[in-house]
Amino acid sequence: MLAILLRALYGFQLMCGALLGSYQAVLSAQHGDGVLSLLWVPLTALGLPLVLQFLVILTSMIQSRTGGAPALWWRVLWAEYKAAVLIFMLRQPWPRGPGAVQKPLNDVPNRPAHASVPVVLVHGFVCNHRVWDDMALDLRKAGHPVLAVDLEPLFGSIDGYASVIDAAVVHLQKETSAPKVALVGHSMGGLAIRAWLRTLKPARLAKVAGIITLGTPHQGTRIPQPVATTNGVQMGWHSDWVQALLASESASQRALMHIALNLNDNICFPQAAQLLPGAPVTEFKGIGHLEMCLNPRVIDWTCQQLASLTRTGAQP
């Protein structure tokens, strides 16, 4: 669903840019500038979506007041803009067979001989499985079978995503014959994993090796919601839904989690407050919200955390 919406959105923006460029081309031709008249259409057709994407990221940076020192602020802005162009414009409109298990790569030298825990990857708000392309590749190099889900419906209740995650876990275990599965969630994906976790009976809970959340609004986010979608309202700062989720969790569930805080997050903020009792925390700085799925530091850290699950006995 998201891929179709993005293709329609960017197609409309390209068309509007081309129309604007055509008008400018006519004006240039009337003034005798033939070369410039030929360039207006492609420049404005491609430029309009890029400019609008930049304005979206700039708005989120201003609203969150993230970045700290000016140099860091500009670094986060530029990195988040590049991540948004790559993820929203070049990857997510073009799905790659969601629901398929991606097996470990066989041609990676010096890979550990021990079995690596299979991983379910759960994306965030208004994203799909392709946000995980870089992460999935590195996990497969490390020997992990990977399954990246698509959360549908796009603007539904976070509770409704529990069935999607459950089906993915069952499918991944069936395909790999693994006794345990780990889950990694970005942004809203971390909340969706927690919503799924509270539906499990003790026997199923014992099959969860561990959970990692990246930039997840565990306490909600203060970013304004332009449209009051169901899942957007649920992610509001200290919302009733967030509070009910917190109250429903046991110590054994929290013990499975490891939280990655992104202190310069421009979407889920304030990030420093996104803590859960009993869940260990690792802090990152100077990284944008979407960039967490692409940043080598975050990916390496995630691989290390998952490798530790294997070493400590999550996999026999």
Protein backbone atom coordinates (compact mmCIF):
# COMPACT_ATOMS: atom_id res chain seq x y z
CA MET A 1 0.00 0.00 0.00
CA LEU A 2 2.76 2.46 0.95
CA ALA A 3 4.67 1.78 -2.26
CA ILE A 4 1.60 2.64 -4.34
CA LEU A 5 1.00 5.84 -2.37
CA LEU A 6 4.62 6.94 -2.74
CA ARG A 7 4.66 6.27 -6.48
CA ALA A 8 1.47 8.30 -6.85
CA LEU A 9 2.81 11.12 -4.67
CA TYR A 10 6.14 11.46 -6.44
CA GLY A 11 4.50 11.01 -9.84
CA PHE A 12 2.18 13.92 -9.04
CA GLN A 13 5.12 16.03 -7.87
CA LEU A 14 7.10 15.22 -11.04
CA MET A 15 4.09 16.21 -13.16
CA CYS A 16 3.65 19.49 -11.29
CA GLY A 17 7.36 20.20 -11.62
CA ALA A 18 7.24 19.45 -15.34
CA LEU A 19 4.28 21.80 -15.83
CA LEU A 20 6.08 24.54 -13.94
CA GLY A 21 9.19 23.89 -16.01
CA SER A 22 7.19 24.05 -19.23
CA TYR A 23 5.89 27.47 -18.25
CA GLN A 24 9.40 28.69 -17.47
CA ALA A 25 10.67 27.17 -20.72
CA VAL A 26 8.12 29.15 -22.73
CA LEU A 27 9.17 32.36 -20.97
CA SER A 28 12.86 31.61 -21.65
CA ALA A 29 12.18 30.85 -25.31
CA GLN A 30 10.29 34.13 -25.68
CA HIS A 31 13.36 35.95 -24.38
CA GLY A 32 15.61 34.15 -26.84
CA ASP A 33 17.35 31.83 -24.39
CA GLY A 34 16.97 28.52 -26.22
CA VAL A 35 19.47 26.51 -24.12
CA LEU A 36 17.83 27.44 -20.80
CA SER A 37 14.38 26.67 -22.17
CA LEU A 38 15.48 23.06 -22.79
CA LEU A 39 16.67 22.64 -19.20
CA TRP A 40 13.69 24.02 -17.31
CA VAL A 41 11.44 20.95 -17.61
CA PRO A 42 13.88 18.28 -16.33
CA LEU A 43 15.30 20.60 -13.66
CA THR A 44 11.95 21.53 -12.15
CA ALA A 45 10.45 18.04 -12.58
CA LEU A 46 13.29 16.50 -10.57
CA GLY A 47 13.87 19.49 -8.33
CA LEU A 48 10.34 19.88 -6.93
CA PRO A 49 10.23 16.48 -5.13
CA LEU A 50 13.75 17.02 -3.79
CA VAL A 51 12.92 20.50 -2.49
CA LEU A 52 9.68 19.34 -0.86
CA GLN A 53 11.49 16.42 0.81
CA PHE A 54 14.10 18.84 2.15
CA LEU A 55 11.39 21.09 3.59
CA VAL A 56 9.81 18.13 5.40
CA ILE A 57 13.12 17.21 7.03
CA LEU A 58 13.93 20.85 7.82
CA THR A 59 10.53 21.25 9.51
CA SER A 60 11.11 18.19 11.68
CA MET A 61 14.55 19.47 12.66
CA ILE A 62 13.14 22.85 13.68
CA GLN A 63 10.23 21.30 15.60
CA SER A 64 12.46 18.92 17.53
CA ARG A 65 15.19 21.53 18.16
CA THR A 66 17.65 18.69 17.77
CA GLY A 67 21.32 18.71 16.83
CA GLY A 68 22.97 20.71 19.64
CA ALA A 69 25.87 22.76 18.28
CA PRO A 70 25.34 24.37 14.84
CA ALA A 71 27.83 22.06 13.10
CA LEU A 72 26.08 18.99 14.53
CA TRP A 73 22.64 20.38 13.63
CA TRP A 74 23.65 20.81 9.99
CA ARG A 75 25.28 17.38 9.97
CA VAL A 76 22.08 15.71 11.21
CA LEU A 77 19.94 17.74 8.78
CA TRP A 78 22.04 16.78 5.76
CA ALA A 79 22.37 13.11 6.75
CA GLU A 80 18.64 12.81 7.46
CA TYR A 81 17.79 14.45 4.15
CA LYS A 82 20.01 12.00 2.24
CA ALA A 83 18.44 9.13 4.16
CA ALA A 84 14.93 10.38 3.33
CA VAL A 85 15.70 10.67 -0.39
CA LEU A 86 17.21 7.18 -0.46
CA ILE A 87 14.48 5.51 1.59
CA PHE A 88 11.32 7.33 0.53
CA MET A 89 12.13 8.15 -3.09
CA LEU A 90 14.46 5.38 -4.29
CA ARG A 91 13.67 2.32 -2.19
CA GLN A 92 10.24 2.19 -0.60
CA PRO A 93 8.23 2.86 -3.78
CA TRP A 94 9.75 -0.33 -5.23
CA PRO A 95 9.09 -3.35 -2.94
CA ARG A 96 11.24 -6.47 -3.01
CA GLY A 97 8.90 -9.35 -2.25
CA PRO A 98 7.97 -8.70 1.40
CA GLY A 99 7.45 -11.77 3.54
CA ALA A 100 10.37 -13.72 2.06
CA VAL A 101 13.07 -15.05 4.36
CA GLN A 102 16.49 -13.75 3.35
CA LYS A 103 19.05 -16.43 4.06
CA PRO A 104 22.61 -15.80 5.30
CA LEU A 105 25.18 -15.08 2.61
CA ASN A 106 27.46 -18.03 1.92
CA ASP A 107 30.46 -16.19 0.47
CA VAL A 108 31.44 -14.13 3.55
CA PRO A 109 34.96 -14.86 4.88
CA ASN A 110 35.70 -15.16 8.63
CA ARG A 111 32.07 -15.59 9.59
CA PRO A 112 31.56 -17.22 13.01
CA ALA A 113 30.98 -20.95 12.83
CA HIS A 114 28.15 -20.91 15.40
CA ALA A 115 24.53 -20.64 14.35
CA SER A 116 23.16 -17.09 14.40
CA VAL A 117 19.72 -16.26 15.72
CA PRO A 118 17.10 -15.49 13.04
CA VAL A 119 15.87 -11.89 13.06
CA VAL A 120 12.50 -10.29 12.32
CA LEU A 121 12.85 -6.62 11.28
CA VAL A 122 9.89 -4.33 12.03
CA HIS A 123 9.77 -0.89 10.38
CA GLY A 124 8.30 2.35 11.71
CA PHE A 125 5.53 4.79 10.81
CA VAL A 126 4.91 5.33 7.06
CA CYS A 127 7.69 2.93 6.09
CA ASN A 128 7.95 -0.55 4.62
CA HIS A 129 10.43 -3.43 4.55
CA ARG A 130 12.89 -1.61 2.28
CA VAL A 131 13.94 0.74 5.08
CA TRP A 132 15.98 -2.28 6.27
CA ASP A 133 18.02 -2.94 3.10
CA ASP A 134 21.37 -1.98 4.63
CA MET A 135 20.70 -3.57 8.01
CA ALA A 136 19.45 -6.82 6.45
CA LEU A 137 22.53 -7.12 4.25
CA ASP A 138 24.92 -6.80 7.20
CA LEU A 139 22.89 -9.20 9.31
CA ARG A 140 22.99 -11.78 6.52
CA LYS A 141 26.76 -11.30 6.24
CA ALA A 142 26.93 -12.10 9.96
CA GLY A 143 25.00 -15.32 9.39
CA HIS A 144 21.50 -14.28 10.45
CA PRO A 145 18.43 -15.37 8.50
CA VAL A 146 16.28 -12.24 8.16
CA LEU A 147 12.61 -11.52 7.57
CA ALA A 148 11.47 -7.89 7.15
CA VAL A 149 7.73 -7.35 7.55
CA ASP A 150 5.30 -4.78 6.16
CA LEU A 151 2.90 -3.38 8.75
CA GLU A 152 -0.58 -3.01 7.29
CA PRO A 153 -2.95 -1.23 7.34
CA LEU A 154 -0.71 1.79 7.05
CA PHE A 155 -2.61 4.02 9.50
CA GLY A 156 -4.26 1.34 11.64
CA SER A 157 -3.92 0.57 15.32
CA ILE A 158 -0.50 -0.54 16.55
CA ASP A 159 -2.24 -3.41 18.36
CA GLY A 160 -3.39 -4.70 14.99
CA TYR A 161 0.21 -5.21 13.87
CA ALA A 162 0.70 -7.96 16.46
CA SER A 163 -0.78 -10.54 14.09
CA VAL A 164 1.61 -9.48 11.30
CA ILE A 165 4.61 -9.87 13.60
CA ASP A 166 3.36 -13.17 14.99
CA ALA A 167 2.93 -14.62 11.51
CA ALA A 168 6.47 -13.49 10.62
CA VAL A 169 7.95 -15.10 13.72
CA VAL A 170 6.15 -18.38 13.06
CA HIS A 171 7.19 -18.34 9.40
CA LEU A 172 10.84 -17.58 10.20
CA GLN A 173 11.02 -20.34 12.80
CA LYS A 174 9.45 -22.80 10.37
CA GLU A 175 11.90 -21.88 7.61
CA THR A 176 14.99 -22.02 9.85
CA SER A 177 13.99 -24.65 12.44
CA ALA A 178 15.35 -22.25 15.05
CA PRO A 179 14.08 -22.54 18.63
CA LYS A 180 14.31 -18.79 19.20
CA VAL A 181 13.94 -15.60 17.17
CA ALA A 182 15.18 -12.05 17.83
CA LEU A 183 13.30 -8.91 16.78
CA VAL A 184 14.58 -5.45 15.83
CA GLY A 185 12.18 -2.52 15.62
CA HIS A 186 12.74 1.00 14.39
CA SER A 187 10.56 3.85 15.70
CA MET A 188 6.92 2.67 15.81
CA GLY A 189 8.19 -0.83 15.04
CA GLY A 190 9.52 -1.07 18.58
CA LEU A 191 6.05 -0.31 19.94
CA ALA A 192 4.51 -2.85 17.58
CA ILE A 193 6.89 -5.51 18.90
CA ARG A 194 5.93 -4.65 22.47
CA ALA A 195 2.23 -4.80 21.54
CA TRP A 196 2.85 -8.28 20.10
CA LEU A 197 4.91 -9.32 23.12
CA ARG A 198 2.07 -8.74 25.55
CA THR A 199 -0.15 -11.16 23.58
CA LEU A 200 2.23 -14.07 24.17
CA LYS A 201 1.75 -16.85 26.67
CA PRO A 202 4.83 -17.91 28.70
CA ALA A 203 5.62 -20.82 26.37
CA ARG A 204 5.78 -18.49 23.36
CA LEU A 205 7.65 -15.82 25.30
CA ALA A 206 10.41 -18.35 25.96
CA LYS A 207 11.01 -18.54 22.19
CA VAL A 208 12.04 -14.85 22.01
CA ALA A 209 15.83 -14.52 22.12
CA GLY A 210 15.86 -10.75 22.50
CA ILE A 211 14.42 -7.45 21.28
CA ILE A 212 16.27 -4.35 20.09
CA THR A 213 14.50 -1.03 19.54
CA LEU A 214 16.04 1.85 17.58
CA GLY A 215 14.74 5.38 18.15
CA THR A 216 11.40 4.10 19.45
CA PRO A 217 8.99 6.51 21.23
CA HIS A 218 8.48 4.29 24.26
CA GLN A 219 7.01 7.26 26.12
CA GLY A 220 5.48 8.80 22.98
CA THR A 221 6.70 11.72 20.90
CA ARG A 222 6.02 15.44 21.02
CA ILE A 223 6.19 15.93 17.25
CA PRO A 224 2.91 17.44 15.98
CA GLN A 225 0.63 15.10 14.03
CA PRO A 226 -0.49 16.75 10.77
CA VAL A 227 -3.20 14.07 10.44
CA ALA A 228 -4.75 12.30 13.42
CA THR A 229 -4.20 8.70 12.29
CA THR A 230 -4.94 5.93 14.78
CA ASN A 231 -1.31 4.88 15.20
CA GLY A 232 -0.18 8.51 15.23
CA VAL A 233 -2.48 9.33 18.14
CA GLN A 234 -1.29 6.22 19.98
CA MET A 235 2.29 7.50 19.71
CA GLY A 236 1.47 10.88 21.23
CA TRP A 237 3.51 12.01 24.22
CA HIS A 238 2.41 9.97 27.29
CA SER A 239 -0.75 8.92 25.46
CA ASP A 240 -3.30 6.65 27.12
CA TRP A 241 -2.22 3.85 24.79
CA VAL A 242 1.46 4.22 25.72
CA GLN A 243 0.59 4.25 29.41
CA ALA A 244 -1.57 1.14 29.08
CA LEU A 245 1.25 -0.65 27.24
CA LEU A 246 3.70 0.26 30.00
CA ALA A 247 1.32 -1.02 32.69
CA SER A 248 0.72 -4.33 30.90
CA GLU A 249 4.36 -5.44 30.70
CA SER A 250 6.08 -7.84 33.05
CA ALA A 251 9.68 -7.82 34.26
CA SER A 252 10.42 -10.90 32.12
CA GLN A 253 9.25 -9.05 29.00
CA ARG A 254 11.37 -5.99 29.78
CA ALA A 255 14.40 -8.19 30.39
CA LEU A 256 14.32 -9.17 26.71
CA MET A 257 14.68 -5.58 25.48
CA HIS A 258 17.66 -3.39 24.71
CA ILE A 259 16.94 0.24 23.82
CA ALA A 260 19.04 2.35 21.45
CA LEU A 261 18.45 6.01 22.29
CA ASN A 262 19.15 8.48 19.51
CA LEU A 263 19.73 11.73 21.39
CA ASN A 264 19.50 13.87 18.22
CA ASP A 265 16.34 12.23 16.92
CA ASN A 266 14.25 14.68 14.87
CA ILE A 267 11.00 12.65 14.92
CA CYS A 268 10.73 10.78 18.23
CA PHE A 269 11.63 13.30 20.90
CA PRO A 270 12.56 13.88 23.63
CA GLN A 271 14.64 10.74 23.09
CA ALA A 272 16.48 10.97 26.42
CA ALA A 273 13.16 10.18 28.14
CA GLN A 274 12.44 7.02 26.11
CA LEU A 275 13.33 4.61 28.90
CA LEU A 276 11.69 1.44 30.19
CA PRO A 277 12.27 0.05 33.70
CA GLY A 278 14.57 -2.97 33.52
CA ALA A 279 15.60 -2.44 29.88
CA PRO A 280 19.29 -1.59 29.25
CA VAL A 281 20.05 1.51 27.17
CA THR A 282 22.76 2.47 24.68
CA GLU A 283 23.00 6.11 23.58
CA PHE A 284 23.84 7.41 20.11
CA LYS A 285 24.48 11.03 19.13
CA GLY A 286 24.58 12.97 15.89
CA ILE A 287 22.23 10.67 13.96
CA GLY A 288 18.89 11.44 12.30
CA HIS A 289 15.73 9.39 12.88
CA LEU A 290 15.62 7.62 9.49
CA GLU A 291 19.39 7.50 9.37
CA MET A 292 19.38 5.01 12.25
CA CYS A 293 18.46 2.30 9.75
CA LEU A 294 21.44 3.19 7.54
CA ASN A 295 24.14 4.40 9.93
CA PRO A 296 27.15 2.02 10.13
CA ARG A 297 27.58 2.66 13.88
CA VAL A 298 24.00 1.63 14.60
CA ILE A 299 24.15 -1.37 12.27
CA ASP A 300 27.44 -2.60 13.76
CA TRP A 301 26.05 -2.19 17.28
CA THR A 302 22.91 -4.12 16.34
CA CYS A 303 25.00 -6.93 14.89
CA GLN A 304 27.05 -7.05 18.09
CA GLN A 305 23.95 -7.22 20.26
CA LEU A 306 22.52 -10.07 18.18
CA ALA A 307 25.85 -11.90 18.23
CA SER A 308 25.86 -11.70 22.03
CA LEU A 309 22.46 -13.40 22.08
CA THR A 310 24.01 -16.34 20.25
CA ARG A 311 27.07 -16.46 22.53
CA THR A 312 24.99 -16.37 25.70
CA GLY A 313 22.90 -19.32 24.65
CA ALA A 314 19.91 -17.94 22.82
CA GLN A 315 20.77 -20.43 20.11
CA PRO A 316 21.96 -23.93 21.07
